[in-house]
Amino acid sequence: MTDFFRTRWRGEVPPDRLFWRDMLIVGTILSIASSALALILLGLKLPLWLVLPVHFLPVPYNIFLTIAVWRTAEKSGGLKAQLMMLGSALWLIATVVV
């Protein structure tokens, strides 16, 4: 598990895999799942202090992925890298707000 985080932090993962698979697909699925679970808990009339942490549980992971994309994109440079950086920032905002 630590190898997963280490390779992404060091920029040793191809940028396309990091952006498309790790961030957009897996990160989005985790965010949707935690939001769905939070809505279920809210529907069960559980207290808000319990529901909100469930909803925001993937935020540290999403921040990590966004920073990893930026670090990796900075190494590769170019227009594609800049678009990945912009896309990751917009994705992070969307996952935190929604």
N, C-alpha and C. Protein backbone atom coordinates (compact mmCIF):
# COMPACT_ATOMS: atom_id res chain seq x y z
N MET A 1 0.82 -1.20 0.00
CA MET A 1 0.00 0.00 0.00
C MET A 1 0.87 1.26 0.00
N THR A 2 1.94 1.25 0.79
CA THR A 2 2.80 2.43 0.82
C THR A 2 3.48 2.65 -0.52
N ASP A 3 3.74 1.56 -1.25
CA ASP A 3 4.34 1.69 -2.58
C ASP A 3 3.41 2.45 -3.52
N PHE A 4 2.11 2.23 -3.39
CA PHE A 4 1.12 2.94 -4.21
C PHE A 4 1.29 4.44 -4.03
N PHE A 5 1.33 4.89 -2.79
CA PHE A 5 1.44 6.32 -2.51
C PHE A 5 2.82 6.86 -2.86
N ARG A 6 3.85 6.09 -2.57
CA ARG A 6 5.21 6.52 -2.84
C ARG A 6 5.45 6.74 -4.33
N THR A 7 5.02 5.81 -5.16
CA THR A 7 5.26 5.94 -6.60
C THR A 7 4.49 7.12 -7.18
N ARG A 8 3.32 7.38 -6.69
CA ARG A 8 2.56 8.52 -7.19
C ARG A 8 3.14 9.84 -6.70
N TRP A 9 3.59 9.87 -5.47
CA TRP A 9 4.17 11.09 -4.93
C TRP A 9 5.47 11.45 -5.65
N ARG A 10 6.25 10.45 -6.00
CA ARG A 10 7.53 10.68 -6.67
C ARG A 10 7.39 10.91 -8.18
N GLY A 11 6.19 10.75 -8.70
CA GLY A 11 5.99 10.94 -10.14
C GLY A 11 6.47 9.78 -10.97
N GLU A 12 6.49 8.58 -10.39
CA GLU A 12 6.98 7.39 -11.09
C GLU A 12 5.87 6.67 -11.85
N VAL A 13 4.66 7.17 -11.77
CA VAL A 13 3.52 6.58 -12.47
C VAL A 13 3.27 7.41 -13.72
N PRO A 14 2.97 6.77 -14.85
CA PRO A 14 2.68 7.55 -16.05
C PRO A 14 1.54 8.55 -15.80
N PRO A 15 1.70 9.77 -16.29
CA PRO A 15 0.69 10.82 -16.02
C PRO A 15 -0.71 10.43 -16.46
N ASP A 16 -0.84 9.75 -17.60
CA ASP A 16 -2.17 9.35 -18.07
C ASP A 16 -2.85 8.40 -17.10
N ARG A 17 -2.10 7.44 -16.58
CA ARG A 17 -2.68 6.49 -15.63
C ARG A 17 -3.09 7.20 -14.34
N LEU A 18 -2.23 8.07 -13.88
CA LEU A 18 -2.51 8.80 -12.64
C LEU A 18 -3.75 9.68 -12.80
N PHE A 19 -3.84 10.40 -13.90
CA PHE A 19 -4.95 11.32 -14.11
C PHE A 19 -6.25 10.58 -14.41
N TRP A 20 -6.24 9.72 -15.42
CA TRP A 20 -7.48 9.09 -15.87
C TRP A 20 -7.95 7.98 -14.94
N ARG A 21 -7.07 7.04 -14.64
CA ARG A 21 -7.51 5.88 -13.86
C ARG A 21 -7.58 6.20 -12.37
N ASP A 22 -6.46 6.63 -11.81
CA ASP A 22 -6.40 6.82 -10.36
C ASP A 22 -7.30 7.96 -9.88
N MET A 23 -7.21 9.09 -10.58
CA MET A 23 -7.96 10.25 -10.10
C MET A 23 -9.39 10.26 -10.61
N LEU A 24 -9.56 10.31 -11.92
CA LEU A 24 -10.92 10.48 -12.45
C LEU A 24 -11.82 9.27 -12.23
N ILE A 25 -11.31 8.07 -12.44
CA ILE A 25 -12.18 6.90 -12.31
C ILE A 25 -12.27 6.45 -10.85
N VAL A 26 -11.14 6.06 -10.26
CA VAL A 26 -11.17 5.52 -8.89
C VAL A 26 -11.55 6.60 -7.88
N GLY A 27 -10.95 7.77 -7.98
CA GLY A 27 -11.26 8.85 -7.05
C GLY A 27 -12.72 9.28 -7.11
N THR A 28 -13.26 9.34 -8.33
CA THR A 28 -14.66 9.72 -8.48
C THR A 28 -15.58 8.65 -7.92
N ILE A 29 -15.27 7.39 -8.17
CA ILE A 29 -16.08 6.30 -7.63
C ILE A 29 -16.09 6.34 -6.10
N LEU A 30 -14.92 6.56 -5.50
CA LEU A 30 -14.85 6.65 -4.03
C LEU A 30 -15.66 7.84 -3.50
N SER A 31 -15.59 8.96 -4.19
CA SER A 31 -16.34 10.14 -3.76
C SER A 31 -17.84 9.91 -3.87
N ILE A 32 -18.27 9.30 -4.97
CA ILE A 32 -19.69 9.02 -5.15
C ILE A 32 -20.17 8.01 -4.10
N ALA A 33 -19.37 6.99 -3.83
CA ALA A 33 -19.75 5.98 -2.85
C ALA A 33 -19.89 6.59 -1.45
N SER A 34 -18.95 7.46 -1.07
CA SER A 34 -19.04 8.05 0.27
C SER A 34 -20.21 9.02 0.34
N SER A 35 -20.50 9.73 -0.74
CA SER A 35 -21.67 10.63 -0.74
C SER A 35 -22.96 9.84 -0.66
N ALA A 36 -23.03 8.72 -1.38
CA ALA A 36 -24.23 7.88 -1.33
C ALA A 36 -24.43 7.31 0.07
N LEU A 37 -23.36 6.86 0.69
CA LEU A 37 -23.46 6.33 2.04
C LEU A 37 -23.89 7.43 3.01
N ALA A 38 -23.37 8.64 2.82
CA ALA A 38 -23.77 9.76 3.69
C ALA A 38 -25.25 10.07 3.51
N LEU A 39 -25.74 10.01 2.29
CA LEU A 39 -27.17 10.24 2.06
C LEU A 39 -28.03 9.16 2.71
N ILE A 40 -27.56 7.92 2.65
CA ILE A 40 -28.29 6.82 3.31
C ILE A 40 -28.33 7.06 4.82
N LEU A 41 -27.18 7.43 5.38
CA LEU A 41 -27.13 7.70 6.82
C LEU A 41 -28.02 8.88 7.19
N LEU A 42 -28.05 9.89 6.34
CA LEU A 42 -28.92 11.03 6.58
C LEU A 42 -30.39 10.62 6.51
N GLY A 43 -30.70 9.73 5.56
CA GLY A 43 -32.07 9.21 5.44
C GLY A 43 -32.48 8.38 6.64
N LEU A 44 -31.50 7.77 7.29
CA LEU A 44 -31.78 6.99 8.50
C LEU A 44 -31.86 7.88 9.74
N LYS A 45 -31.81 9.19 9.52
CA LYS A 45 -31.93 10.18 10.60
C LYS A 45 -30.77 10.13 11.59
N LEU A 46 -29.59 9.74 11.11
CA LEU A 46 -28.42 9.76 11.98
C LEU A 46 -27.96 11.20 12.14
N PRO A 47 -27.26 11.49 13.23
CA PRO A 47 -26.84 12.88 13.47
C PRO A 47 -25.86 13.38 12.40
N LEU A 48 -25.92 14.68 12.16
CA LEU A 48 -25.09 15.30 11.14
C LEU A 48 -23.60 15.15 11.46
N TRP A 49 -23.25 15.12 12.73
CA TRP A 49 -21.85 14.98 13.10
C TRP A 49 -21.29 13.62 12.68
N LEU A 50 -22.16 12.66 12.41
CA LEU A 50 -21.73 11.36 11.92
C LEU A 50 -21.77 11.30 10.39
N VAL A 51 -22.72 12.00 9.80
CA VAL A 51 -22.91 11.96 8.35
C VAL A 51 -21.81 12.74 7.63
N LEU A 52 -21.47 13.92 8.11
CA LEU A 52 -20.48 14.77 7.43
C LEU A 52 -19.10 14.13 7.31
N PRO A 53 -18.57 13.50 8.36
CA PRO A 53 -17.27 12.84 8.18
C PRO A 53 -17.31 11.73 7.12
N VAL A 54 -18.41 11.03 7.03
CA VAL A 54 -18.53 9.99 6.00
C VAL A 54 -18.50 10.62 4.62
N HIS A 55 -19.21 11.73 4.47
CA HIS A 55 -19.25 12.42 3.18
C HIS A 55 -17.86 12.93 2.77
N PHE A 56 -17.13 13.48 3.73
CA PHE A 56 -15.83 14.08 3.43
C PHE A 56 -14.65 13.12 3.61
N LEU A 57 -14.90 11.87 3.87
CA LEU A 57 -13.83 10.89 4.08
C LEU A 57 -12.82 10.81 2.94
N PRO A 58 -13.22 10.85 1.67
CA PRO A 58 -12.22 10.73 0.60
C PRO A 58 -11.46 12.02 0.28
N VAL A 59 -11.77 13.12 0.94
CA VAL A 59 -11.12 14.40 0.60
C VAL A 59 -9.60 14.36 0.76
N PRO A 60 -9.02 13.82 1.83
CA PRO A 60 -7.56 13.76 1.91
C PRO A 60 -6.94 12.95 0.76
N TYR A 61 -7.58 11.85 0.39
CA TYR A 61 -7.11 11.05 -0.74
C TYR A 61 -7.20 11.85 -2.03
N ASN A 62 -8.29 12.59 -2.21
CA ASN A 62 -8.45 13.40 -3.42
C ASN A 62 -7.42 14.52 -3.48
N ILE A 63 -7.11 15.12 -2.35
CA ILE A 63 -6.07 16.15 -2.31
C ILE A 63 -4.72 15.53 -2.67
N PHE A 64 -4.44 14.36 -2.11
CA PHE A 64 -3.20 13.67 -2.45
C PHE A 64 -3.09 13.42 -3.95
N LEU A 65 -4.16 12.91 -4.56
CA LEU A 65 -4.14 12.64 -5.99
C LEU A 65 -3.93 13.91 -6.81
N THR A 66 -4.58 14.98 -6.42
CA THR A 66 -4.42 16.24 -7.14
C THR A 66 -2.98 16.74 -7.07
N ILE A 67 -2.40 16.68 -5.90
CA ILE A 67 -1.00 17.10 -5.75
C ILE A 67 -0.09 16.19 -6.55
N ALA A 68 -0.36 14.89 -6.54
CA ALA A 68 0.45 13.95 -7.31
C ALA A 68 0.37 14.23 -8.80
N VAL A 69 -0.82 14.56 -9.28
CA VAL A 69 -0.97 14.91 -10.70
C VAL A 69 -0.15 16.16 -11.00
N TRP A 70 -0.22 17.16 -10.14
CA TRP A 70 0.54 18.39 -10.37
C TRP A 70 2.04 18.11 -10.38
N ARG A 71 2.51 17.32 -9.43
CA ARG A 71 3.95 17.02 -9.36
C ARG A 71 4.40 16.26 -10.60
N THR A 72 3.60 15.31 -11.03
CA THR A 72 3.96 14.52 -12.20
C THR A 72 3.88 15.37 -13.47
N ALA A 73 2.86 16.20 -13.57
CA ALA A 73 2.70 17.04 -14.76
C ALA A 73 3.82 18.08 -14.86
N GLU A 74 4.27 18.60 -13.74
CA GLU A 74 5.36 19.57 -13.77
C GLU A 74 6.64 18.96 -14.33
N LYS A 75 6.85 17.67 -14.07
CA LYS A 75 8.03 16.99 -14.59
C LYS A 75 7.96 16.84 -16.11
N SER A 76 6.77 16.53 -16.62
CA SER A 76 6.65 16.26 -18.05
C SER A 76 6.49 17.53 -18.87
N GLY A 77 5.82 18.53 -18.35
CA GLY A 77 5.64 19.79 -19.05
C GLY A 77 4.76 19.67 -20.29
N GLY A 78 4.51 20.79 -20.92
CA GLY A 78 3.72 20.82 -22.14
C GLY A 78 2.25 21.15 -21.91
N LEU A 79 1.53 21.29 -23.01
CA LEU A 79 0.12 21.65 -22.95
C LEU A 79 -0.72 20.56 -22.28
N LYS A 80 -0.43 19.31 -22.62
CA LYS A 80 -1.19 18.20 -22.02
C LYS A 80 -1.04 18.21 -20.50
N ALA A 81 0.17 18.45 -20.03
CA ALA A 81 0.41 18.51 -18.58
C ALA A 81 -0.35 19.67 -17.94
N GLN A 82 -0.37 20.81 -18.61
CA GLN A 82 -1.12 21.95 -18.07
C GLN A 82 -2.61 21.67 -18.02
N LEU A 83 -3.12 20.98 -19.03
CA LEU A 83 -4.54 20.62 -19.02
C LEU A 83 -4.85 19.62 -17.91
N MET A 84 -3.92 18.70 -17.64
CA MET A 84 -4.10 17.75 -16.53
C MET A 84 -4.11 18.48 -15.20
N MET A 85 -3.25 19.48 -15.06
CA MET A 85 -3.21 20.25 -13.83
C MET A 85 -4.52 21.02 -13.63
N LEU A 86 -4.99 21.64 -14.69
CA LEU A 86 -6.26 22.36 -14.61
C LEU A 86 -7.42 21.41 -14.33
N GLY A 87 -7.44 20.29 -15.04
CA GLY A 87 -8.49 19.30 -14.84
C GLY A 87 -8.50 18.73 -13.43
N SER A 88 -7.31 18.49 -12.88
CA SER A 88 -7.25 17.94 -11.52
C SER A 88 -7.74 18.96 -10.49
N ALA A 89 -7.43 20.23 -10.70
CA ALA A 89 -7.91 21.27 -9.78
C ALA A 89 -9.42 21.40 -9.84
N LEU A 90 -9.97 21.40 -11.05
CA LEU A 90 -11.43 21.47 -11.20
C LEU A 90 -12.11 20.23 -10.63
N TRP A 91 -11.48 19.07 -10.84
CA TRP A 91 -12.03 17.82 -10.30
C TRP A 91 -12.05 17.87 -8.76
N LEU A 92 -10.97 18.35 -8.17
CA LEU A 92 -10.92 18.44 -6.70
C LEU A 92 -12.02 19.36 -6.18
N ILE A 93 -12.20 20.49 -6.81
CA ILE A 93 -13.26 21.41 -6.39
C ILE A 93 -14.62 20.71 -6.50
N ALA A 94 -14.85 20.03 -7.61
CA ALA A 94 -16.13 19.35 -7.82
C ALA A 94 -16.37 18.26 -6.78
N THR A 95 -15.34 17.49 -6.45
CA THR A 95 -15.54 16.40 -5.48
C THR A 95 -15.75 16.92 -4.07
N VAL A 96 -15.18 18.05 -3.75
CA VAL A 96 -15.37 18.61 -2.40
C VAL A 96 -16.73 19.28 -2.30
N VAL A 97 -17.14 20.00 -3.33
CA VAL A 97 -18.41 20.73 -3.30
C VAL A 97 -19.60 19.79 -3.42
N VAL A 98 -19.50 18.83 -4.33
CA VAL A 98 -20.62 17.92 -4.56
C VAL A 98 -20.50 16.81 -3.57
